[in-house]
Amino acid sequence: MKFLVSDMTCNHCKATIENAIHNLDGNAKVSVDLASKTVDVETTRGQQHILNTLVGAGFEARVV
């Protein structure tokens, strides 16, 4: 799954997103690209769960 997180700007944002997703699914593979403001996630959780987690962490996110 790929998400656009338009308000992600720094390594603190990156860490917050990674931690939030890993709290939802400890086995998730998360790849954050600050330059393109995208987050790729490999997980058994549904797309809406990840989207809700990103929003819950304080970010504006949408599916790409």
C-alpha atoms as a PDB file:
ATOM      1  CA  MET A   1       0.000   0.000   0.000  1.00  0.00           C
ATOM      2  CA  LYS A   2       1.168   3.504  -0.719  1.00  0.00           C
ATOM      3  CA  PHE A   3       0.059   6.679   1.008  1.00  0.00           C
ATOM      4  CA  LEU A   4       0.760  10.346   0.362  1.00  0.00           C
ATOM      5  CA  VAL A   5       1.431  12.220   3.607  1.00  0.00           C
ATOM      6  CA  SER A   6       1.621  15.812   2.446  1.00  0.00           C
ATOM      7  CA  ASP A   7       2.449  17.343   5.831  1.00  0.00           C
ATOM      8  CA  MET A   8       5.382  15.012   6.590  1.00  0.00           C
ATOM      9  CA  THR A   9       8.498  17.200   6.670  1.00  0.00           C
ATOM     10  CA  CYS A  10      11.278  15.762   8.839  1.00  0.00           C
ATOM     11  CA  ASN A  11      12.861  12.715  10.442  1.00  0.00           C
ATOM     12  CA  HIS A  12      10.693  13.195  13.534  1.00  0.00           C
ATOM     13  CA  CYS A  13       7.624  12.834  11.298  1.00  0.00           C
ATOM     14  CA  LYS A  14       9.180   9.728   9.757  1.00  0.00           C
ATOM     15  CA  ALA A  15       9.796   8.155  13.172  1.00  0.00           C
ATOM     16  CA  THR A  16       6.289   9.037  14.382  1.00  0.00           C
ATOM     17  CA  ILE A  17       4.741   7.366  11.327  1.00  0.00           C
ATOM     18  CA  GLU A  18       6.925   4.263  11.592  1.00  0.00           C
ATOM     19  CA  ASN A  19       6.149   3.893  15.302  1.00  0.00           C
ATOM     20  CA  ALA A  20       2.409   4.384  14.807  1.00  0.00           C
ATOM     21  CA  ILE A  21       2.255   1.712  12.113  1.00  0.00           C
ATOM     22  CA  HIS A  22       4.440  -0.701  14.094  1.00  0.00           C
ATOM     23  CA  ASN A  23       2.154  -0.210  17.110  1.00  0.00           C
ATOM     24  CA  LEU A  24      -0.728  -1.365  14.904  1.00  0.00           C
ATOM     25  CA  ASP A  25       1.237  -4.242  13.337  1.00  0.00           C
ATOM     26  CA  GLY A  26       4.654  -5.110  14.730  1.00  0.00           C
ATOM     27  CA  ASN A  27       5.449  -7.158  11.627  1.00  0.00           C
ATOM     28  CA  ALA A  28       4.650  -4.410   9.115  1.00  0.00           C
ATOM     29  CA  LYS A  29       7.331  -3.303   6.680  1.00  0.00           C
ATOM     30  CA  VAL A  30       7.351   0.482   6.456  1.00  0.00           C
ATOM     31  CA  SER A  31       9.302   2.586   3.973  1.00  0.00           C
ATOM     32  CA  VAL A  32       9.078   6.359   4.351  1.00  0.00           C
ATOM     33  CA  ASP A  33      10.331   8.691   1.604  1.00  0.00           C
ATOM     34  CA  LEU A  34      10.500  12.264   2.895  1.00  0.00           C
ATOM     35  CA  ALA A  35      11.364  13.707  -0.528  1.00  0.00           C
ATOM     36  CA  SER A  36       8.232  12.369  -2.206  1.00  0.00           C
ATOM     37  CA  LYS A  37       6.173  12.491   1.027  1.00  0.00           C
ATOM     38  CA  THR A  38       5.107   8.874   0.557  1.00  0.00           C
ATOM     39  CA  VAL A  39       4.821   5.913   2.885  1.00  0.00           C
ATOM     40  CA  ASP A  40       4.855   2.345   1.571  1.00  0.00           C
ATOM     41  CA  VAL A  41       3.463  -0.278   3.913  1.00  0.00           C
ATOM     42  CA  GLU A  42       3.437  -4.066   3.682  1.00  0.00           C
ATOM     43  CA  THR A  43       1.038  -5.465   6.275  1.00  0.00           C
ATOM     44  CA  THR A  44      -1.808  -7.875   6.809  1.00  0.00           C
ATOM     45  CA  ARG A  45      -3.917  -4.977   8.095  1.00  0.00           C
ATOM     46  CA  GLY A  46      -6.410  -3.329   5.798  1.00  0.00           C
ATOM     47  CA  GLN A  47      -5.733  -0.111   3.946  1.00  0.00           C
ATOM     48  CA  GLN A  48      -8.308   1.787   6.022  1.00  0.00           C
ATOM     49  CA  HIS A  49      -6.605   0.691   9.259  1.00  0.00           C
ATOM     50  CA  ILE A  50      -3.300   2.162   8.076  1.00  0.00           C
ATOM     51  CA  LEU A  51      -4.970   5.340   6.851  1.00  0.00           C
ATOM     52  CA  ASN A  52      -6.735   5.749  10.200  1.00  0.00           C
ATOM     53  CA  THR A  53      -3.441   5.183  12.007  1.00  0.00           C
ATOM     54  CA  LEU A  54      -1.704   7.897   9.974  1.00  0.00           C
ATOM     55  CA  VAL A  55      -4.537  10.348  10.592  1.00  0.00           C
ATOM     56  CA  GLY A  56      -4.601   9.383  14.268  1.00  0.00           C
ATOM     57  CA  ALA A  57      -0.878  10.173  14.477  1.00  0.00           C
ATOM     58  CA  GLY A  58      -1.687  13.708  13.348  1.00  0.00           C
ATOM     59  CA  PHE A  59      -0.990  13.570   9.632  1.00  0.00           C
ATOM     60  CA  GLU A  60      -3.062  14.310   6.558  1.00  0.00           C
ATOM     61  CA  ALA A  61      -2.854  11.171   4.473  1.00  0.00           C
ATOM     62  CA  ARG A  62      -4.482   9.701   1.410  1.00  0.00           C
ATOM     63  CA  VAL A  63      -4.108   6.534  -0.605  1.00  0.00           C
ATOM     64  CA  VAL A  64      -1.963   6.834  -3.731  1.00  0.00           C
END
